[in-house]
């Protein structure tokens, strides 16, 4: 008796539109054909047939790669975008920074004090962060750089 394998993960199943191809594949193959076929006929008159066919294949190859290549469920353009982001756009070293609840509550308490002082009419001098060195606090208040 004939049987059909059904994948356990149904999200991996893609809807086929025509010729057992997905809509994405049809669009990419169509774009490749729109570029490659006219290029072949233009180059056929000035190059040998085999050279024109080779140029056509090279011109259509990116479209075929966009249509068919997929890794970890991501198409080629998403993989290329992620690669460019990691390699060229984002910084190489990402410092580890934490923002725990205690320091957030300290900052909120300080901001509340400042707001209450403004409301009462006696604005306080801005205070340095409690972790800053004493020399940093002095130069911050006077406006002069500490040497």
N, C-alpha and C. Protein backbone atom coordinates (compact mmCIF):
# COMPACT_ATOMS: atom_id res chain seq x y z
N UNK A 1 0.84 -1.18 0.00
CA UNK A 1 0.00 0.00 0.00
C UNK A 1 0.89 1.24 0.00
N UNK A 2 0.54 2.25 -0.76
CA UNK A 2 1.30 3.48 -0.87
C UNK A 2 1.08 4.34 0.37
N UNK A 3 2.12 5.03 0.77
CA UNK A 3 2.00 5.92 1.91
C UNK A 3 2.82 7.18 1.65
N UNK A 4 2.50 8.23 2.39
CA UNK A 4 3.18 9.51 2.24
C UNK A 4 3.76 9.89 3.60
N UNK A 5 5.05 10.28 3.62
CA UNK A 5 5.66 10.74 4.86
C UNK A 5 5.15 12.14 5.18
N UNK A 6 4.73 12.33 6.41
CA UNK A 6 4.28 13.64 6.87
C UNK A 6 5.30 14.12 7.89
N UNK A 7 5.88 15.30 7.67
CA UNK A 7 6.87 15.79 8.62
C UNK A 7 6.22 16.13 9.96
N UNK A 8 6.99 15.95 11.02
CA UNK A 8 6.45 16.25 12.35
C UNK A 8 6.27 17.75 12.55
N UNK A 9 7.17 18.54 11.99
CA UNK A 9 7.08 19.99 12.09
C UNK A 9 6.39 20.53 10.84
N UNK A 10 5.14 20.90 10.96
CA UNK A 10 4.38 21.35 9.79
C UNK A 10 4.72 22.78 9.38
N UNK A 11 5.50 23.50 10.18
CA UNK A 11 5.91 24.84 9.76
C UNK A 11 6.97 24.76 8.67
N UNK A 12 7.63 23.63 8.54
CA UNK A 12 8.64 23.46 7.50
C UNK A 12 8.02 23.21 6.12
N UNK A 13 6.74 22.88 6.09
CA UNK A 13 6.06 22.62 4.83
C UNK A 13 5.75 23.95 4.16
N UNK A 14 6.14 24.10 2.90
CA UNK A 14 5.90 25.33 2.16
C UNK A 14 4.83 25.09 1.10
N UNK A 15 4.00 26.09 0.90
CA UNK A 15 2.92 25.99 -0.06
C UNK A 15 3.48 26.10 -1.47
N UNK A 16 3.19 25.12 -2.29
CA UNK A 16 3.64 25.13 -3.69
C UNK A 16 2.58 25.81 -4.53
N UNK A 17 3.02 26.69 -5.42
CA UNK A 17 2.08 27.46 -6.23
C UNK A 17 1.91 26.84 -7.61
N UNK A 18 3.03 26.68 -8.31
CA UNK A 18 2.96 26.20 -9.68
C UNK A 18 4.26 25.46 -9.99
N UNK A 19 4.17 24.41 -10.78
CA UNK A 19 5.31 23.58 -11.16
C UNK A 19 6.08 23.06 -9.94
N UNK A 20 5.38 22.83 -8.85
CA UNK A 20 5.95 22.36 -7.59
C UNK A 20 7.00 23.34 -7.05
N UNK A 21 6.80 24.63 -7.32
CA UNK A 21 7.68 25.69 -6.83
C UNK A 21 6.90 26.63 -5.93
N UNK A 22 7.58 27.23 -4.97
CA UNK A 22 6.93 28.21 -4.11
C UNK A 22 6.84 29.54 -4.84
N UNK A 23 6.08 30.46 -4.28
CA UNK A 23 5.92 31.78 -4.89
C UNK A 23 7.26 32.51 -4.94
N UNK A 24 8.04 32.37 -3.90
CA UNK A 24 9.36 32.99 -3.85
C UNK A 24 10.26 32.46 -4.97
N UNK A 25 10.26 31.14 -5.16
CA UNK A 25 11.08 30.54 -6.20
C UNK A 25 10.62 30.97 -7.59
N UNK A 26 9.32 31.05 -7.80
CA UNK A 26 8.81 31.51 -9.09
C UNK A 26 9.24 32.94 -9.39
N UNK A 27 9.17 33.81 -8.39
CA UNK A 27 9.56 35.21 -8.59
C UNK A 27 11.05 35.31 -8.91
N UNK A 28 11.86 34.57 -8.16
CA UNK A 28 13.31 34.62 -8.39
C UNK A 28 13.69 34.03 -9.74
N UNK A 29 13.11 32.90 -10.11
CA UNK A 29 13.40 32.31 -11.42
C UNK A 29 12.93 33.22 -12.54
N UNK A 30 11.78 33.86 -12.36
CA UNK A 30 11.28 34.80 -13.37
C UNK A 30 12.20 35.99 -13.52
N UNK A 31 12.70 36.53 -12.41
CA UNK A 31 13.65 37.64 -12.48
C UNK A 31 14.93 37.24 -13.17
N UNK A 32 15.40 36.02 -12.89
CA UNK A 32 16.60 35.53 -13.56
C UNK A 32 16.39 35.37 -15.06
N UNK A 33 15.21 34.88 -15.44
CA UNK A 33 14.91 34.72 -16.87
C UNK A 33 14.79 36.08 -17.56
N UNK A 34 14.21 37.07 -16.86
CA UNK A 34 14.09 38.41 -17.45
C UNK A 34 15.44 39.07 -17.68
N UNK A 35 16.41 38.72 -16.87
CA UNK A 35 17.76 39.28 -17.05
C UNK A 35 18.59 38.44 -18.02
N UNK A 36 18.55 37.11 -17.84
CA UNK A 36 19.46 36.23 -18.56
C UNK A 36 19.13 36.03 -20.03
N UNK A 37 17.87 35.81 -20.37
CA UNK A 37 17.50 35.49 -21.75
C UNK A 37 17.77 36.67 -22.69
N UNK A 38 17.33 37.90 -22.38
CA UNK A 38 17.69 39.01 -23.29
C UNK A 38 19.20 39.24 -23.38
N UNK A 39 19.89 39.04 -22.26
CA UNK A 39 21.33 39.19 -22.28
C UNK A 39 21.98 38.19 -23.22
N UNK A 40 21.47 36.96 -23.23
CA UNK A 40 22.00 35.93 -24.13
C UNK A 40 21.82 36.34 -25.59
N UNK A 41 20.62 36.80 -25.94
CA UNK A 41 20.36 37.17 -27.34
C UNK A 41 21.14 38.40 -27.77
N UNK A 42 21.41 39.31 -26.83
CA UNK A 42 22.22 40.49 -27.17
C UNK A 42 23.67 40.08 -27.39
N UNK A 43 24.18 39.22 -26.49
CA UNK A 43 25.59 38.83 -26.57
C UNK A 43 25.87 37.80 -27.66
N UNK A 44 24.83 37.10 -28.09
CA UNK A 44 25.00 36.06 -29.10
C UNK A 44 25.53 36.62 -30.42
N UNK A 45 25.18 37.86 -30.71
CA UNK A 45 25.62 38.44 -31.98
C UNK A 45 27.10 38.85 -31.97
N UNK A 46 27.65 39.17 -30.80
CA UNK A 46 29.04 39.63 -30.76
C UNK A 46 29.99 38.63 -30.11
N UNK A 47 29.49 37.60 -29.46
CA UNK A 47 30.32 36.57 -28.83
C UNK A 47 29.94 35.20 -29.38
N UNK A 48 30.80 34.23 -29.23
CA UNK A 48 30.40 32.86 -29.58
C UNK A 48 29.25 32.39 -28.69
N UNK A 49 28.48 31.43 -29.16
CA UNK A 49 27.30 30.95 -28.44
C UNK A 49 27.67 30.44 -27.06
N UNK A 50 28.76 29.70 -26.96
CA UNK A 50 29.13 29.14 -25.66
C UNK A 50 29.51 30.24 -24.67
N UNK A 51 30.19 31.30 -25.12
CA UNK A 51 30.54 32.41 -24.24
C UNK A 51 29.29 33.18 -23.82
N UNK A 52 28.36 33.39 -24.75
CA UNK A 52 27.11 34.09 -24.42
C UNK A 52 26.30 33.28 -23.42
N UNK A 53 26.28 31.95 -23.60
CA UNK A 53 25.55 31.10 -22.65
C UNK A 53 26.20 31.15 -21.27
N UNK A 54 27.53 31.18 -21.23
CA UNK A 54 28.24 31.24 -19.96
C UNK A 54 27.96 32.56 -19.24
N UNK A 55 27.95 33.67 -19.97
CA UNK A 55 27.62 34.97 -19.37
C UNK A 55 26.18 34.97 -18.87
N UNK A 56 25.26 34.34 -19.62
CA UNK A 56 23.87 34.26 -19.19
C UNK A 56 23.76 33.47 -17.89
N UNK A 57 24.47 32.36 -17.79
CA UNK A 57 24.41 31.54 -16.58
C UNK A 57 24.97 32.31 -15.39
N UNK A 58 26.06 33.03 -15.59
CA UNK A 58 26.65 33.81 -14.50
C UNK A 58 25.70 34.92 -14.06
N UNK A 59 25.00 35.54 -15.01
CA UNK A 59 24.05 36.61 -14.67
C UNK A 59 22.83 36.07 -13.95
N UNK A 60 22.42 34.85 -14.26
CA UNK A 60 21.22 34.27 -13.65
C UNK A 60 21.52 33.57 -12.32
N UNK A 61 22.77 33.26 -12.05
CA UNK A 61 23.13 32.51 -10.86
C UNK A 61 22.69 33.17 -9.54
N UNK A 62 22.86 34.49 -9.36
CA UNK A 62 22.39 35.08 -8.10
C UNK A 62 20.89 34.90 -7.87
N UNK A 63 20.10 34.97 -8.93
CA UNK A 63 18.66 34.77 -8.78
C UNK A 63 18.34 33.34 -8.37
N UNK A 64 19.05 32.37 -8.94
CA UNK A 64 18.84 30.98 -8.56
C UNK A 64 19.26 30.74 -7.12
N UNK A 65 20.36 31.38 -6.71
CA UNK A 65 20.80 31.23 -5.33
C UNK A 65 19.77 31.82 -4.36
N UNK A 66 19.21 32.98 -4.71
CA UNK A 66 18.18 33.58 -3.85
C UNK A 66 16.95 32.68 -3.76
N UNK A 67 16.65 31.98 -4.85
CA UNK A 67 15.45 31.14 -4.87
C UNK A 67 15.65 29.85 -4.10
N UNK A 68 16.82 29.25 -4.19
CA UNK A 68 16.99 27.89 -3.68
C UNK A 68 17.73 27.78 -2.36
N UNK A 69 18.69 28.65 -2.08
CA UNK A 69 19.53 28.48 -0.91
C UNK A 69 18.79 28.90 0.35
N UNK A 70 18.84 28.05 1.34
CA UNK A 70 18.21 28.33 2.62
C UNK A 70 18.98 27.58 3.69
N UNK A 71 19.30 28.27 4.78
CA UNK A 71 20.02 27.64 5.88
C UNK A 71 19.31 27.99 7.17
N UNK A 72 19.02 27.00 7.97
CA UNK A 72 18.32 27.17 9.24
C UNK A 72 17.00 27.92 9.07
N UNK A 73 16.33 27.68 7.98
CA UNK A 73 15.03 28.31 7.73
C UNK A 73 15.11 29.75 7.27
N UNK A 74 16.30 30.27 7.01
CA UNK A 74 16.45 31.65 6.57
C UNK A 74 16.92 31.68 5.12
N UNK A 75 16.31 32.52 4.29
CA UNK A 75 16.76 32.64 2.90
C UNK A 75 18.09 33.38 2.82
N UNK A 76 18.67 33.37 1.64
CA UNK A 76 20.02 33.90 1.43
C UNK A 76 20.13 35.38 1.77
N UNK A 77 19.13 36.19 1.44
CA UNK A 77 19.27 37.63 1.71
C UNK A 77 19.27 37.92 3.20
N UNK A 78 18.55 37.15 4.00
CA UNK A 78 18.60 37.35 5.45
C UNK A 78 19.95 36.92 6.00
N UNK A 79 20.48 35.82 5.48
CA UNK A 79 21.80 35.38 5.92
C UNK A 79 22.86 36.42 5.55
N UNK A 80 22.77 36.98 4.34
CA UNK A 80 23.73 38.00 3.91
C UNK A 80 23.58 39.27 4.76
N UNK A 81 22.35 39.65 5.08
CA UNK A 81 22.12 40.83 5.93
C UNK A 81 22.72 40.62 7.31
N UNK A 82 22.50 39.46 7.90
CA UNK A 82 23.06 39.16 9.22
C UNK A 82 24.59 39.15 9.17
N UNK A 83 25.16 38.58 8.12
CA UNK A 83 26.61 38.53 7.98
C UNK A 83 27.19 39.94 7.90
N UNK A 84 26.57 40.81 7.11
CA UNK A 84 27.06 42.18 6.96
C UNK A 84 26.93 42.94 8.27
N UNK A 85 25.82 42.74 8.99
CA UNK A 85 25.64 43.40 10.28
C UNK A 85 26.73 43.00 11.27
N UNK A 86 26.99 41.70 11.36
CA UNK A 86 27.97 41.20 12.33
C UNK A 86 29.38 41.59 11.92
N UNK A 87 29.67 41.52 10.67
CA UNK A 87 31.05 41.70 10.20
C UNK A 87 31.45 43.17 10.06
N UNK A 88 30.53 44.04 9.61
CA UNK A 88 30.92 45.40 9.26
C UNK A 88 30.21 46.49 10.05
N UNK A 89 28.96 46.29 10.44
CA UNK A 89 28.18 47.38 11.02
C UNK A 89 28.33 47.43 12.54
N UNK A 90 28.10 46.34 13.21
CA UNK A 90 28.12 46.31 14.67
C UNK A 90 29.56 46.30 15.19
N UNK A 91 29.76 46.78 16.43
CA UNK A 91 31.12 46.78 16.99
C UNK A 91 31.62 45.36 17.23
N UNK A 92 32.94 45.21 17.16
CA UNK A 92 33.53 43.88 17.32
C UNK A 92 33.40 43.37 18.75
N UNK A 93 33.63 44.24 19.72
CA UNK A 93 33.51 43.83 21.11
C UNK A 93 32.28 44.49 21.71
N UNK A 94 31.47 43.67 22.33
CA UNK A 94 30.28 44.19 22.98
C UNK A 94 30.49 44.07 24.48
N UNK A 95 30.61 45.19 25.18
CA UNK A 95 30.87 45.12 26.62
C UNK A 95 29.66 44.55 27.37
N UNK A 96 29.97 43.83 28.41
CA UNK A 96 28.92 43.24 29.22
C UNK A 96 28.46 44.28 30.23
N UNK A 97 27.22 44.68 30.14
CA UNK A 97 26.66 45.67 31.04
C UNK A 97 25.41 45.10 31.68
N UNK A 98 25.31 45.33 32.98
CA UNK A 98 24.11 44.90 33.69
C UNK A 98 23.41 46.11 34.25
N UNK A 99 22.16 46.01 34.44
CA UNK A 99 21.37 47.05 35.07
C UNK A 99 20.46 46.33 36.06
N UNK A 100 20.99 46.16 37.27
CA UNK A 100 20.20 45.40 38.23
C UNK A 100 19.17 46.28 38.89
N UNK A 101 18.28 45.68 39.61
CA UNK A 101 17.15 46.37 40.20
C UNK A 101 17.61 47.35 41.27
N UNK A 102 18.63 46.99 42.04
CA UNK A 102 19.10 47.86 43.12
C UNK A 102 19.59 49.20 42.58
N UNK A 103 20.43 49.20 41.54
CA UNK A 103 20.92 50.48 41.00
C UNK A 103 19.80 51.27 40.34
N UNK A 104 18.86 50.59 39.73
CA UNK A 104 17.71 51.30 39.14
C UNK A 104 16.90 51.98 40.24
N UNK A 105 16.71 51.31 41.37
CA UNK A 105 15.98 51.91 42.48
C UNK A 105 16.75 53.08 43.08
N UNK A 106 18.09 52.98 43.15
CA UNK A 106 18.91 54.09 43.63
C UNK A 106 18.76 55.32 42.73
N UNK A 107 18.82 55.08 41.41
CA UNK A 107 18.66 56.21 40.47
C UNK A 107 17.28 56.84 40.61
N UNK A 108 16.27 56.01 40.76
CA UNK A 108 14.91 56.54 40.89
C UNK A 108 14.76 57.34 42.18
N UNK A 109 15.38 56.87 43.26
CA UNK A 109 15.33 57.60 44.53
C UNK A 109 16.00 58.95 44.38
N UNK A 110 17.16 58.99 43.73
CA UNK A 110 17.88 60.24 43.51
C UNK A 110 17.04 61.20 42.65
N UNK A 111 16.42 60.68 41.60
CA UNK A 111 15.59 61.53 40.76
C UNK A 111 14.38 62.07 41.52
N UNK A 112 13.80 61.24 42.37
CA UNK A 112 12.67 61.70 43.18
C UNK A 112 13.10 62.81 44.13
N UNK A 113 14.30 62.70 44.73
CA UNK A 113 14.81 63.76 45.61
C UNK A 113 14.98 65.05 44.83
N UNK A 114 15.53 64.97 43.64
CA UNK A 114 15.73 66.17 42.84
C UNK A 114 14.41 66.81 42.46
N UNK A 115 13.43 66.01 42.11
CA UNK A 115 12.11 66.54 41.75
C UNK A 115 11.46 67.21 42.96
N UNK A 116 11.57 66.58 44.13
CA UNK A 116 10.99 67.17 45.34
C UNK A 116 11.68 68.49 45.68
N UNK A 117 13.01 68.55 45.48
CA UNK A 117 13.73 69.79 45.76
C UNK A 117 13.31 70.89 44.80
N UNK A 118 13.10 70.55 43.55
CA UNK A 118 12.65 71.54 42.56
C UNK A 118 11.26 72.03 42.91
N UNK A 119 10.39 71.10 43.30
CA UNK A 119 9.02 71.47 43.66
C UNK A 119 9.00 72.38 44.87
N UNK A 120 9.86 72.11 45.85
CA UNK A 120 9.91 72.94 47.06
C UNK A 120 10.58 74.28 46.80
N UNK A 121 11.32 74.40 45.72
CA UNK A 121 11.92 75.66 45.36
C UNK A 121 13.39 75.75 45.69
N UNK A 122 13.95 74.76 46.28
CA UNK A 122 15.38 74.81 46.59
C UNK A 122 16.08 73.72 45.79
N UNK A 123 16.44 74.07 44.60
CA UNK A 123 17.09 73.11 43.71
C UNK A 123 18.47 72.77 44.25
N UNK A 124 18.77 71.50 44.28
CA UNK A 124 20.06 71.03 44.77
C UNK A 124 21.10 71.08 43.65
N UNK A 125 22.34 71.09 44.09
CA UNK A 125 23.41 70.92 43.13
C UNK A 125 23.33 69.52 42.57
N UNK A 126 23.54 69.33 41.28
CA UNK A 126 23.51 67.95 40.76
C UNK A 126 24.65 67.16 41.38
N UNK A 127 24.32 65.99 41.85
CA UNK A 127 25.31 65.15 42.51
C UNK A 127 25.85 64.12 41.53
N UNK A 128 27.13 63.80 41.76
CA UNK A 128 27.75 62.78 40.93
C UNK A 128 27.23 61.42 41.35
N UNK A 129 27.39 60.50 40.48
CA UNK A 129 26.99 59.12 40.77
C UNK A 129 27.77 58.64 41.99
N UNK A 130 27.16 57.88 42.91
CA UNK A 130 27.85 57.48 44.14
C UNK A 130 29.13 56.69 43.89
N UNK A 131 29.28 56.06 42.78
CA UNK A 131 30.47 55.26 42.51
C UNK A 131 31.63 56.07 41.94
N UNK A 132 31.38 57.32 41.58
CA UNK A 132 32.44 58.13 41.00
C UNK A 132 33.46 58.50 42.06
N UNK A 133 34.69 58.72 41.66
CA UNK A 133 35.78 59.08 42.57
C UNK A 133 35.58 60.50 43.07
N UNK A 134 36.19 60.80 44.20
CA UNK A 134 36.07 62.14 44.78
C UNK A 134 36.66 63.18 43.85
N UNK A 135 37.75 62.87 43.19
CA UNK A 135 38.36 63.82 42.26
C UNK A 135 37.41 64.14 41.12
N UNK A 136 36.68 63.13 40.65
CA UNK A 136 35.71 63.36 39.58
C UNK A 136 34.59 64.27 40.06
N UNK A 137 34.18 64.11 41.32
CA UNK A 137 33.10 64.95 41.85
C UNK A 137 33.56 66.41 41.94
N UNK A 138 34.80 66.63 42.39
CA UNK A 138 35.28 68.00 42.50
C UNK A 138 35.34 68.67 41.14
N UNK A 139 35.90 67.99 40.16
CA UNK A 139 36.03 68.60 38.84
C UNK A 139 34.66 68.80 38.20
N UNK A 140 33.70 67.96 38.57
CA UNK A 140 32.35 68.11 38.02
C UNK A 140 31.68 69.37 38.57
N UNK A 141 31.87 69.63 39.89
CA UNK A 141 31.22 70.79 40.51
C UNK A 141 31.87 72.09 40.09
N UNK A 142 33.18 72.11 40.01
CA UNK A 142 33.87 73.37 39.71
C UNK A 142 33.92 73.63 38.21
N UNK A 143 33.80 72.59 37.42
CA UNK A 143 33.88 72.77 35.99
C UNK A 143 35.29 72.72 35.47
N UNK A 144 36.27 72.52 36.38
CA UNK A 144 37.67 72.45 35.96
C UNK A 144 38.09 71.00 35.87
N UNK A 145 38.97 70.75 34.98
CA UNK A 145 39.48 69.38 34.82
C UNK A 145 40.46 69.09 35.91
N UNK A 146 40.40 67.91 36.48
CA UNK A 146 41.32 67.47 37.52
C UNK A 146 42.59 66.94 36.90
N UNK A 147 43.72 67.37 37.40
CA UNK A 147 44.99 66.95 36.81
C UNK A 147 45.68 65.99 37.69
